[in-house]
N, C-alpha and C. Protein backbone atom coordinates (compact mmCIF):
# COMPACT_ATOMS: atom_id res chain seq x y z
N MET A 1 125.03 -33.61 -80.44
CA MET A 1 124.38 -32.23 -80.19
C MET A 1 125.67 -31.21 -80.48
N ASN A 2 126.02 -30.64 -81.35
CA ASN A 2 126.48 -29.34 -81.09
C ASN A 2 126.61 -27.91 -80.70
N ALA A 3 125.52 -28.37 -79.66
CA ALA A 3 125.39 -26.73 -78.93
C ALA A 3 126.65 -25.58 -78.73
N ARG A 4 126.24 -24.39 -79.12
CA ARG A 4 127.17 -23.55 -78.68
C ARG A 4 126.74 -22.96 -77.68
N ILE A 5 125.84 -22.89 -77.33
CA ILE A 5 125.29 -22.11 -76.34
C ILE A 5 124.28 -22.54 -74.96
N PHE A 6 124.46 -23.01 -73.69
CA PHE A 6 123.93 -23.86 -72.60
C PHE A 6 123.18 -22.87 -72.15
N VAL A 7 122.09 -23.13 -71.72
CA VAL A 7 121.18 -22.41 -71.03
C VAL A 7 120.99 -23.15 -69.50
N SER A 8 121.60 -22.45 -68.35
CA SER A 8 121.38 -23.08 -67.05
C SER A 8 120.63 -22.62 -66.30
N TYR A 9 119.51 -23.18 -65.66
CA TYR A 9 118.74 -22.36 -64.87
C TYR A 9 117.77 -23.47 -63.65
N ARG A 10 116.80 -22.67 -62.48
CA ARG A 10 116.67 -23.80 -61.49
C ARG A 10 115.14 -23.51 -62.43
N SER A 11 114.58 -24.83 -62.06
CA SER A 11 113.52 -24.87 -63.01
C SER A 11 112.02 -24.34 -62.16
N SER A 12 112.70 -24.17 -60.70
CA SER A 12 111.29 -23.42 -60.24
C SER A 12 111.20 -22.22 -59.98
N ASP A 13 111.81 -21.61 -60.66
CA ASP A 13 111.14 -19.90 -60.99
C ASP A 13 112.36 -19.21 -62.29
N GLY A 14 113.15 -20.43 -63.39
CA GLY A 14 113.66 -20.07 -64.10
C GLY A 14 113.16 -20.45 -65.55
N THR A 15 112.06 -21.32 -65.24
CA THR A 15 111.96 -21.85 -66.71
C THR A 15 111.26 -20.87 -67.84
N ASP A 16 110.19 -20.30 -67.48
CA ASP A 16 109.63 -19.27 -67.97
C ASP A 16 111.14 -18.26 -69.11
N LYS A 17 111.78 -17.79 -68.13
CA LYS A 17 113.01 -16.88 -68.80
C LYS A 17 114.05 -17.84 -69.55
N ALA A 18 114.44 -19.30 -69.77
CA ALA A 18 115.16 -19.94 -69.99
C ALA A 18 114.52 -20.00 -71.24
N THR A 19 113.25 -20.60 -71.50
CA THR A 19 112.58 -20.81 -73.04
C THR A 19 112.55 -19.64 -73.57
N ALA A 20 112.25 -18.65 -73.07
CA ALA A 20 112.23 -17.29 -74.22
C ALA A 20 113.57 -17.03 -74.53
N LEU A 21 114.42 -17.02 -73.56
CA LEU A 21 115.61 -16.77 -74.30
C LEU A 21 116.47 -17.94 -75.27
N ALA A 22 116.10 -19.31 -74.40
CA ALA A 22 116.79 -19.90 -75.77
C ALA A 22 115.85 -19.90 -77.10
N ARG A 23 114.65 -19.60 -77.26
CA ARG A 23 113.73 -18.97 -78.52
C ARG A 23 114.06 -17.90 -79.40
N ASP A 24 114.82 -16.96 -78.33
CA ASP A 24 115.27 -15.66 -79.32
C ASP A 24 116.98 -15.75 -79.24
N LEU A 25 117.59 -16.62 -78.72
CA LEU A 25 119.16 -16.60 -79.26
C LEU A 25 119.12 -17.79 -80.40
N GLY A 26 117.81 -18.97 -80.56
CA GLY A 26 117.50 -19.90 -81.54
C GLY A 26 117.36 -19.06 -82.84
N ARG A 27 116.31 -18.13 -82.62
CA ARG A 27 116.26 -17.14 -83.82
C ARG A 27 117.67 -16.52 -84.16
N VAL A 28 118.29 -16.46 -83.74
CA VAL A 28 119.26 -15.34 -83.90
C VAL A 28 120.71 -16.12 -84.56
N PHE A 29 120.94 -17.43 -83.73
CA PHE A 29 122.28 -18.60 -83.73
C PHE A 29 121.80 -19.89 -84.68
N GLY A 30 120.42 -19.89 -84.72
CA GLY A 30 119.74 -21.27 -85.32
C GLY A 30 119.40 -21.90 -83.94
N ASP A 31 118.34 -22.60 -84.18
CA ASP A 31 117.73 -23.66 -82.30
C ASP A 31 118.74 -24.51 -82.16
N SER A 32 119.54 -25.47 -83.44
CA SER A 32 120.54 -26.47 -82.97
C SER A 32 121.64 -25.97 -82.00
N ALA A 33 122.02 -24.55 -82.47
CA ALA A 33 123.20 -24.07 -81.27
C ALA A 33 122.66 -23.71 -80.06
N VAL A 34 121.69 -23.80 -79.59
CA VAL A 34 121.35 -23.93 -78.05
C VAL A 34 120.55 -24.76 -77.62
N PHE A 35 121.43 -24.91 -76.58
CA PHE A 35 120.74 -26.14 -75.53
C PHE A 35 119.95 -25.71 -74.30
N LEU A 36 118.83 -26.36 -74.40
CA LEU A 36 117.73 -26.35 -73.09
C LEU A 36 117.35 -27.83 -73.01
N ASP A 37 117.50 -27.86 -71.54
CA ASP A 37 117.02 -29.35 -71.42
C ASP A 37 115.85 -29.50 -71.50
N LYS A 38 114.78 -28.95 -71.33
CA LYS A 38 113.19 -29.34 -71.64
C LYS A 38 113.14 -29.48 -73.29
N ASP A 39 113.77 -28.85 -74.02
CA ASP A 39 113.41 -29.08 -75.04
C ASP A 39 114.36 -30.06 -76.52
N ASP A 40 115.73 -30.26 -75.56
CA ASP A 40 116.77 -31.14 -76.11
C ASP A 40 116.90 -32.49 -75.52
N LEU A 41 116.70 -33.13 -74.52
CA LEU A 41 116.59 -33.83 -73.66
C LEU A 41 115.31 -35.26 -74.64
N ALA A 42 115.68 -36.47 -75.03
CA ALA A 42 115.24 -36.94 -75.76
C ALA A 42 114.48 -37.77 -74.60
N GLY A 43 113.30 -38.13 -74.14
CA GLY A 43 112.18 -39.15 -73.70
C GLY A 43 113.37 -40.46 -73.42
N GLY A 44 113.29 -40.90 -72.29
CA GLY A 44 114.48 -41.94 -71.62
C GLY A 44 115.81 -41.71 -71.51
N SER A 45 115.79 -40.67 -72.10
CA SER A 45 117.54 -40.31 -72.11
C SER A 45 118.28 -40.31 -70.52
N ALA A 46 119.46 -40.64 -70.63
CA ALA A 46 120.27 -40.91 -69.10
C ALA A 46 120.41 -39.42 -68.83
N TRP A 47 119.91 -38.31 -68.53
CA TRP A 47 120.26 -36.72 -68.60
C TRP A 47 121.57 -36.21 -68.05
N ALA A 48 121.93 -36.88 -67.17
CA ALA A 48 123.26 -36.26 -66.39
C ALA A 48 124.19 -36.62 -67.69
N GLN A 49 124.57 -37.73 -68.46
CA GLN A 49 125.26 -37.85 -68.96
C GLN A 49 124.88 -37.25 -70.49
N GLU A 50 123.98 -36.88 -71.13
CA GLU A 50 123.65 -35.83 -72.29
C GLU A 50 123.98 -34.72 -71.64
N ILE A 51 123.47 -34.21 -70.37
CA ILE A 51 124.09 -32.60 -70.25
C ILE A 51 125.78 -32.83 -70.24
N GLY A 52 126.24 -33.74 -69.69
CA GLY A 52 127.65 -33.39 -69.14
C GLY A 52 127.84 -33.58 -71.08
N ARG A 53 127.76 -34.46 -71.84
CA ARG A 53 128.10 -34.69 -72.96
C ARG A 53 127.65 -32.91 -73.99
N ALA A 54 126.81 -32.53 -73.54
CA ALA A 54 126.82 -31.01 -74.14
C ALA A 54 127.58 -29.90 -73.13
N ILE A 55 127.71 -30.09 -72.31
CA ILE A 55 128.81 -29.16 -71.49
C ILE A 55 130.00 -29.33 -72.29
N GLY A 56 130.66 -30.81 -72.21
CA GLY A 56 132.02 -31.12 -72.41
C GLY A 56 132.33 -30.83 -74.05
N GLY A 57 131.41 -30.26 -74.89
CA GLY A 57 131.40 -29.59 -76.09
C GLY A 57 132.10 -28.30 -76.17
N ARG A 58 132.04 -27.40 -74.44
CA ARG A 58 132.54 -26.14 -74.26
C ARG A 58 131.60 -25.07 -75.03
N PRO A 59 130.03 -25.42 -74.56
CA PRO A 59 129.65 -24.00 -75.09
C PRO A 59 129.65 -23.09 -74.03
N VAL A 60 129.45 -21.94 -74.69
CA VAL A 60 129.16 -20.53 -73.53
C VAL A 60 127.71 -21.17 -72.71
N LEU A 61 127.96 -21.09 -71.38
CA LEU A 61 127.13 -21.56 -70.08
C LEU A 61 126.36 -20.38 -69.96
N LEU A 62 125.17 -19.99 -70.00
CA LEU A 62 124.32 -18.87 -69.41
C LEU A 62 123.66 -19.22 -68.58
N LEU A 63 124.42 -18.79 -67.38
CA LEU A 63 123.53 -19.33 -66.29
C LEU A 63 122.81 -17.98 -65.92
N LEU A 64 121.15 -18.60 -65.40
CA LEU A 64 120.16 -17.81 -64.64
C LEU A 64 120.19 -17.65 -63.40
N MET A 65 120.97 -16.42 -63.04
CA MET A 65 120.76 -16.01 -61.41
C MET A 65 119.43 -15.86 -61.16
N THR A 66 118.91 -16.53 -60.76
CA THR A 66 117.04 -16.24 -59.88
C THR A 66 116.94 -15.90 -58.68
N PRO A 67 116.19 -15.76 -57.94
CA PRO A 67 116.24 -15.64 -56.28
C PRO A 67 116.18 -17.74 -56.43
N GLY A 68 115.45 -18.04 -56.75
CA GLY A 68 114.96 -19.47 -56.93
C GLY A 68 116.62 -20.05 -56.60
N LEU A 69 117.34 -20.01 -57.78
CA LEU A 69 118.68 -20.31 -57.75
C LEU A 69 119.58 -20.24 -56.90
N ALA A 70 119.63 -18.73 -56.48
CA ALA A 70 120.15 -18.76 -55.38
C ALA A 70 119.82 -19.04 -53.68
N GLU A 71 118.78 -18.84 -53.81
CA GLU A 71 118.41 -19.22 -52.59
C GLU A 71 117.01 -20.37 -52.16
N ALA A 72 117.06 -20.75 -52.74
CA ALA A 72 116.23 -22.43 -53.00
C ALA A 72 116.72 -23.30 -51.68
N ARG A 73 115.96 -24.04 -51.21
CA ARG A 73 116.40 -24.69 -49.79
C ARG A 73 116.17 -26.35 -50.03
N GLY A 74 116.80 -27.22 -49.54
CA GLY A 74 116.96 -28.59 -49.53
C GLY A 74 115.84 -29.22 -48.28
N ALA A 75 115.51 -30.19 -48.18
CA ALA A 75 114.83 -30.61 -47.08
C ALA A 75 115.37 -30.47 -45.45
N ASP A 76 117.15 -30.44 -45.97
CA ASP A 76 118.06 -30.21 -44.56
C ASP A 76 118.32 -28.39 -44.26
N GLY A 77 117.30 -27.91 -44.68
CA GLY A 77 117.62 -26.55 -45.21
C GLY A 77 118.74 -25.74 -45.31
N ARG A 78 119.55 -26.68 -45.94
CA ARG A 78 120.45 -26.00 -46.30
C ARG A 78 120.74 -25.38 -48.07
N ARG A 79 121.17 -24.27 -48.28
CA ARG A 79 120.93 -23.94 -49.75
C ARG A 79 121.12 -25.15 -51.29
N ARG A 80 120.21 -25.51 -51.76
CA ARG A 80 120.62 -26.09 -52.96
C ARG A 80 121.85 -26.54 -53.85
N ILE A 81 122.39 -24.76 -53.84
CA ILE A 81 123.74 -24.75 -54.81
C ILE A 81 124.95 -25.05 -53.67
N GLU A 82 124.37 -25.42 -52.64
CA GLU A 82 125.64 -26.26 -51.19
C GLU A 82 125.41 -27.56 -51.44
N ALA A 83 124.72 -28.25 -52.05
CA ALA A 83 124.53 -29.64 -52.28
C ALA A 83 125.30 -30.38 -53.59
N SER A 84 126.23 -31.26 -53.42
CA SER A 84 126.90 -31.99 -54.69
C SER A 84 126.06 -32.10 -55.39
N ASP A 85 124.59 -32.55 -55.36
CA ASP A 85 124.11 -33.23 -56.55
C ASP A 85 122.79 -32.40 -56.88
N ASP A 86 122.94 -31.32 -56.63
CA ASP A 86 122.57 -29.76 -57.44
C ASP A 86 122.66 -29.96 -58.65
N PRO A 87 121.65 -30.18 -59.74
CA PRO A 87 121.90 -30.27 -61.29
C PRO A 87 122.43 -28.84 -61.89
N VAL A 88 121.86 -27.53 -61.36
CA VAL A 88 122.85 -26.11 -61.38
C VAL A 88 124.48 -26.23 -61.47
N ARG A 89 124.82 -26.37 -59.93
CA ARG A 89 125.67 -26.76 -59.40
C ARG A 89 126.38 -27.59 -60.23
N ARG A 90 126.30 -28.97 -60.37
CA ARG A 90 126.89 -29.92 -61.01
C ARG A 90 127.12 -29.69 -62.49
N GLU A 91 126.12 -28.65 -63.39
CA GLU A 91 126.28 -27.49 -64.39
C GLU A 91 127.21 -26.84 -64.82
N LEU A 92 127.76 -25.82 -63.55
CA LEU A 92 128.45 -24.95 -63.73
C LEU A 92 129.54 -25.62 -63.12
N GLU A 93 130.21 -26.84 -62.28
CA GLU A 93 131.21 -27.45 -62.65
C GLU A 93 131.85 -27.65 -63.57
N ALA A 94 130.82 -28.44 -63.83
CA ALA A 94 131.34 -29.11 -65.49
C ALA A 94 131.48 -28.24 -66.79
N ALA A 95 131.38 -27.07 -66.67
CA ALA A 95 131.50 -25.59 -67.33
C ALA A 95 133.05 -25.17 -67.45
N PHE A 96 133.06 -25.04 -65.99
CA PHE A 96 134.26 -24.42 -65.39
C PHE A 96 135.32 -25.55 -65.68
N ALA A 97 135.42 -27.00 -65.48
CA ALA A 97 136.10 -27.95 -65.33
C ALA A 97 136.32 -28.27 -67.35
N ALA A 98 135.61 -28.05 -68.25
CA ALA A 98 135.73 -28.15 -69.18
C ALA A 98 136.38 -26.86 -69.80
N GLY A 99 136.40 -25.54 -69.25
CA GLY A 99 137.27 -24.42 -69.95
C GLY A 99 136.25 -23.53 -70.84
N ALA A 100 135.08 -23.82 -70.13
CA ALA A 100 133.46 -23.07 -71.35
C ALA A 100 133.67 -21.73 -70.26
N GLN A 101 133.11 -20.85 -71.49
CA GLN A 101 133.02 -19.66 -71.07
C GLN A 101 131.60 -19.57 -70.42
N VAL A 102 131.75 -18.85 -69.35
CA VAL A 102 130.05 -18.83 -68.55
C VAL A 102 129.75 -17.30 -68.35
N ILE A 103 128.32 -16.95 -68.75
CA ILE A 103 128.13 -15.47 -68.56
C ILE A 103 126.87 -16.18 -67.37
N PRO A 104 127.43 -15.08 -66.50
CA PRO A 104 125.83 -15.02 -65.35
C PRO A 104 124.92 -13.95 -65.84
N LEU A 105 123.50 -14.53 -65.60
CA LEU A 105 122.60 -13.35 -66.17
C LEU A 105 122.17 -12.98 -64.58
N LEU A 106 121.45 -11.78 -64.27
CA LEU A 106 120.85 -11.53 -63.07
C LEU A 106 119.69 -11.05 -63.45
N CYS A 107 118.66 -12.31 -63.05
CA CYS A 107 117.47 -11.96 -63.33
C CYS A 107 116.53 -11.33 -62.56
N ASP A 108 115.00 -10.69 -63.14
CA ASP A 108 114.50 -10.08 -62.10
C ASP A 108 114.15 -10.50 -60.73
N GLY A 109 114.23 -10.22 -59.95
CA GLY A 109 114.36 -10.40 -58.48
C GLY A 109 115.27 -10.16 -57.64
N LEU A 110 116.41 -10.03 -57.86
CA LEU A 110 117.55 -9.82 -57.24
C LEU A 110 118.27 -8.46 -57.69
N ASP A 111 118.54 -7.80 -57.23
CA ASP A 111 118.96 -6.34 -57.46
C ASP A 111 120.37 -6.10 -57.75
N ALA A 112 120.97 -7.39 -57.08
CA ALA A 112 122.79 -7.61 -57.54
C ALA A 112 123.31 -8.82 -57.21
N ALA A 113 123.89 -9.34 -57.63
CA ALA A 113 124.48 -10.14 -57.47
C ALA A 113 124.86 -11.11 -56.02
N PRO A 114 124.10 -12.03 -55.89
CA PRO A 114 124.50 -12.46 -54.44
C PRO A 114 125.51 -12.50 -54.02
N ALA A 115 125.95 -12.44 -52.49
CA ALA A 115 126.98 -12.31 -51.71
C ALA A 115 127.32 -13.51 -51.30
N ASP A 116 128.23 -14.23 -50.57
CA ASP A 116 128.69 -14.77 -49.73
C ASP A 116 128.37 -16.59 -50.92
N LEU A 117 128.18 -16.58 -52.09
CA LEU A 117 127.80 -17.69 -53.25
C LEU A 117 128.97 -18.91 -52.57
N PRO A 118 128.54 -20.14 -52.59
CA PRO A 118 129.54 -21.49 -52.09
C PRO A 118 130.36 -21.77 -53.73
N PRO A 119 131.49 -22.78 -53.18
CA PRO A 119 131.95 -23.11 -54.67
C PRO A 119 131.04 -23.92 -55.65
N PRO A 120 131.08 -23.86 -56.77
CA PRO A 120 131.87 -23.13 -57.71
C PRO A 120 131.57 -21.32 -57.91
N PHE A 121 130.07 -21.05 -57.29
CA PHE A 121 129.37 -20.39 -57.66
C PHE A 121 130.10 -19.22 -57.42
N ASP A 122 131.19 -19.16 -56.34
CA ASP A 122 131.66 -17.84 -55.63
C ASP A 122 132.60 -17.24 -57.03
N ARG A 123 133.04 -18.01 -58.21
CA ARG A 123 133.82 -17.58 -59.12
C ARG A 123 133.08 -16.99 -60.23
N LEU A 124 132.13 -16.80 -59.82
CA LEU A 124 131.39 -15.97 -60.60
C LEU A 124 131.36 -14.52 -60.76
N ALA A 125 131.92 -13.82 -59.15
CA ALA A 125 132.25 -12.79 -58.71
C ALA A 125 133.44 -11.94 -60.09
N ALA A 126 134.30 -12.77 -60.45
CA ALA A 126 135.40 -12.29 -60.98
C ALA A 126 135.03 -12.12 -62.58
N LEU A 127 133.73 -12.60 -62.95
CA LEU A 127 132.95 -12.43 -64.11
C LEU A 127 132.11 -11.20 -64.62
N THR A 128 131.75 -10.81 -65.74
CA THR A 128 131.26 -9.90 -65.83
C THR A 128 129.76 -10.30 -65.74
N TRP A 129 128.57 -9.65 -64.94
CA TRP A 129 127.24 -10.30 -65.57
C TRP A 129 126.62 -9.67 -65.98
N ARG A 130 125.39 -9.82 -66.54
CA ARG A 130 124.65 -9.21 -67.53
C ARG A 130 123.52 -9.27 -66.83
N ARG A 131 122.22 -8.44 -67.30
CA ARG A 131 120.65 -8.44 -66.72
C ARG A 131 120.17 -8.80 -67.62
N LEU A 132 119.14 -9.99 -67.10
CA LEU A 132 118.14 -10.36 -68.02
C LEU A 132 117.00 -9.97 -67.33
N ARG A 133 115.95 -8.89 -67.36
CA ARG A 133 114.96 -8.49 -66.81
C ARG A 133 113.84 -8.60 -67.92
N ALA A 134 112.52 -9.09 -67.51
CA ALA A 134 111.34 -8.95 -68.58
C ALA A 134 111.11 -7.72 -68.79
N TYR A 135 111.42 -6.08 -67.99
CA TYR A 135 110.61 -5.23 -68.43
C TYR A 135 111.61 -4.68 -69.45
N ASP A 136 112.80 -4.76 -69.47
CA ASP A 136 113.81 -4.22 -70.54
C ASP A 136 114.74 -5.70 -71.55
N TRP A 137 113.74 -6.83 -71.84
CA TRP A 137 114.05 -7.62 -72.40
C TRP A 137 114.90 -7.89 -73.66
N ARG A 138 114.54 -7.22 -74.53
CA ARG A 138 114.67 -7.03 -75.90
C ARG A 138 116.29 -6.20 -75.81
N HIS A 139 116.28 -5.03 -74.93
CA HIS A 139 117.89 -4.74 -74.55
C HIS A 139 118.75 -5.44 -73.87
N ASP A 140 117.82 -6.44 -73.00
CA ASP A 140 119.35 -7.34 -72.34
C ASP A 140 119.72 -8.39 -73.58
N ILE A 141 118.50 -8.93 -74.47
CA ILE A 141 119.04 -9.72 -75.46
C ILE A 141 119.59 -9.23 -76.50
N ASP A 142 119.36 -8.01 -76.87
CA ASP A 142 120.70 -7.47 -77.65
C ASP A 142 121.85 -7.15 -77.42
N ARG A 143 122.29 -6.85 -76.00
CA ARG A 143 123.21 -6.49 -75.23
C ARG A 143 124.41 -8.12 -75.08
N LEU A 144 123.17 -9.29 -74.84
CA LEU A 144 123.69 -10.49 -74.85
C LEU A 144 124.17 -10.88 -76.01
N VAL A 145 123.46 -10.89 -77.30
CA VAL A 145 123.67 -11.24 -78.71
C VAL A 145 125.14 -10.57 -78.79
N ALA A 146 125.30 -9.45 -78.47
CA ALA A 146 126.61 -9.04 -79.28
C ALA A 146 127.81 -9.38 -78.25
N ASP A 147 127.47 -9.82 -76.89
CA ASP A 147 128.51 -10.38 -76.08
C ASP A 147 128.49 -12.05 -77.24
N LEU A 148 128.15 -12.25 -77.16
CA LEU A 148 128.35 -14.27 -77.89
C LEU A 148 128.68 -14.15 -79.22
N ARG A 149 128.18 -13.08 -79.94
CA ARG A 149 128.83 -12.66 -81.36
C ARG A 149 130.76 -12.17 -80.91
N ALA A 150 130.52 -11.57 -79.83
CA ALA A 150 131.90 -10.75 -79.48
C ALA A 150 132.76 -12.28 -79.44
N LEU A 151 132.20 -13.44 -78.63
CA LEU A 151 132.71 -14.27 -78.50
C LEU A 151 133.34 -15.62 -79.65
N GLY A 152 132.38 -14.95 -80.86
CA GLY A 152 132.81 -15.69 -82.08
C GLY A 152 131.69 -16.49 -82.53
N LEU A 153 130.46 -16.26 -82.20
CA LEU A 153 129.42 -16.93 -82.07
C LEU A 153 128.80 -16.31 -83.31
N GLY A 154 127.94 -17.19 -84.38
CA GLY A 154 127.58 -16.49 -85.71
C GLY A 154 126.14 -16.93 -85.77
N PRO A 155 125.46 -15.95 -86.37
CA PRO A 155 124.39 -16.63 -87.22
C PRO A 155 124.40 -17.72 -88.24
N ALA A 156 123.39 -18.78 -87.72
CA ALA A 156 123.56 -20.14 -88.26
C ALA A 156 122.74 -19.92 -89.91
N ALA A 157 121.99 -18.69 -90.11
CA ALA A 157 120.98 -18.79 -90.64
C ALA A 157 120.85 -16.74 -90.69
N PRO A 158 120.57 -16.35 -91.65
CA PRO A 158 120.10 -14.79 -91.21
C PRO A 158 119.36 -14.84 -90.60
N ASP A 159 119.27 -13.55 -89.79
CA ASP A 159 119.00 -13.04 -88.17
C ASP A 159 117.14 -13.11 -88.94
N ARG A 160 116.34 -13.86 -87.87
CA ARG A 160 114.81 -13.60 -88.18
C ARG A 160 114.51 -12.57 -86.82
N PRO A 161 113.41 -12.05 -87.27
CA PRO A 161 112.81 -11.04 -86.59
C PRO A 161 112.65 -11.68 -84.56
N LEU A 162 113.16 -11.15 -83.78
CA LEU A 162 112.57 -11.46 -82.96
C LEU A 162 111.35 -11.48 -82.21
N THR A 163 110.16 -12.24 -82.04
CA THR A 163 109.18 -12.58 -81.38
C THR A 163 108.58 -13.12 -80.59
N GLY A 164 107.46 -12.68 -79.93
CA GLY A 164 106.98 -13.71 -78.76
C GLY A 164 106.58 -12.91 -77.73
N LEU A 165 106.37 -13.51 -76.88
CA LEU A 165 106.13 -12.43 -75.20
C LEU A 165 107.37 -12.43 -74.70
N ALA A 166 107.52 -11.52 -74.05
CA ALA A 166 109.06 -11.41 -72.96
C ALA A 166 108.38 -12.15 -71.33
N PRO A 167 109.17 -12.83 -71.01
CA PRO A 167 108.38 -13.37 -70.20
C PRO A 167 107.71 -12.58 -68.69
N ASP A 168 107.06 -13.08 -68.19
CA ASP A 168 105.69 -11.95 -67.14
C ASP A 168 105.05 -10.98 -67.83
N SER A 169 104.89 -11.33 -69.32
CA SER A 169 104.68 -9.75 -70.27
C SER A 169 103.22 -10.56 -71.01
N THR A 170 102.51 -9.24 -70.81
CA THR A 170 100.75 -9.39 -71.65
C THR A 170 101.38 -9.02 -72.66
N THR A 171 102.31 -8.24 -73.44
CA THR A 171 102.25 -7.45 -74.71
C THR A 171 103.22 -8.21 -75.29
N PRO A 172 102.60 -8.92 -76.83
CA PRO A 172 103.69 -8.84 -77.45
C PRO A 172 104.55 -8.33 -78.03
N THR A 173 105.71 -9.11 -78.27
CA THR A 173 107.19 -8.13 -78.58
C THR A 173 107.54 -8.26 -79.91
N SER A 174 106.25 -9.04 -80.70
CA SER A 174 106.77 -9.06 -82.29
C SER A 174 106.33 -7.86 -83.19
N THR A 175 107.21 -8.10 -84.43
CA THR A 175 107.34 -6.84 -85.51
C THR A 175 106.03 -7.14 -86.31
N PRO A 176 105.07 -5.74 -86.68
CA PRO A 176 103.82 -6.15 -87.48
C PRO A 176 103.86 -7.34 -88.92
N GLY A 177 103.39 -8.05 -88.89
CA GLY A 177 103.10 -9.14 -89.66
C GLY A 177 104.22 -10.08 -89.35
N THR A 178 104.31 -10.58 -88.57
CA THR A 178 105.12 -11.77 -87.56
C THR A 178 104.55 -12.34 -86.80
N ALA A 179 104.44 -13.76 -86.80
CA ALA A 179 103.79 -14.55 -85.92
C ALA A 179 104.38 -14.80 -84.70
N THR A 180 103.78 -14.65 -83.24
CA THR A 180 104.39 -14.60 -81.81
C THR A 180 104.79 -16.28 -81.77
N ALA A 181 105.84 -16.35 -80.87
CA ALA A 181 105.96 -17.38 -80.28
C ALA A 181 105.12 -18.65 -79.94
N ALA A 182 104.10 -18.01 -79.58
CA ALA A 182 102.86 -19.19 -79.33
C ALA A 182 102.37 -19.42 -80.64
N ALA A 183 102.06 -18.76 -81.42
CA ALA A 183 101.76 -19.09 -82.87
C ALA A 183 103.00 -20.91 -83.73
N THR A 184 104.21 -20.06 -83.10
CA THR A 184 105.20 -20.70 -83.84
C THR A 184 106.01 -21.28 -83.27
N PRO A 185 105.66 -22.65 -82.35
CA PRO A 185 106.49 -23.20 -81.37
C PRO A 185 107.48 -23.25 -82.25
N ARG A 186 108.65 -23.68 -80.82
CA ARG A 186 110.10 -24.22 -81.06
C ARG A 186 110.11 -25.29 -81.64
N ARG A 187 110.51 -25.64 -82.72
CA ARG A 187 111.09 -27.44 -82.91
C ARG A 187 112.48 -28.05 -82.94
N ARG A 188 112.63 -28.68 -82.09
CA ARG A 188 114.07 -28.91 -82.26
C ARG A 188 114.30 -30.62 -82.35
N ALA A 189 115.01 -30.72 -83.09
CA ALA A 189 115.44 -32.20 -83.60
C ALA A 189 116.58 -32.50 -81.98
N VAL A 190 116.26 -33.75 -81.77
CA VAL A 190 116.39 -34.48 -80.71
C VAL A 190 117.50 -35.68 -81.37
N ALA A 191 118.74 -35.46 -80.74
CA ALA A 191 119.59 -36.64 -81.27
C ALA A 191 119.41 -38.10 -80.01
């Protein structure tokens, strides 16, 4: 897997946005350029090793900062991002250790970057954040694509029209004459 973009998210409230984001970025940069665990991990694979291998390739890590990512609590009452075995924390630690570019994305439900984040999340304060909002999805995706292109990522094939539904939306965002994401499921080759 030579993904150039890695989508990191908390599954409790980030799956819909992560899926829509990966599909839209896959249309621009090619599906094989985007790593999304639920699409790219083969059944029975050692997920921690596969994610480590994907991050070791130094892709741009897009961290979806959702309320669930910032405030989810474990059985002990501590925030999950404070636990050393938290998957999102481990992904971010691996990305920083590999020297990967990290772009934090502030999602719906958070009006500002959370304060008092534990390590390694505290390093996000020094980075430029982008927004990823359902009500302004097209604008936010276009801006993110421009950022990714400025980092040297290019399309694998000619750009295709972005289609489908924005997360939490009932209005299709497709252009006339194109199919929606529901009609054209994302197909990925899994190594």
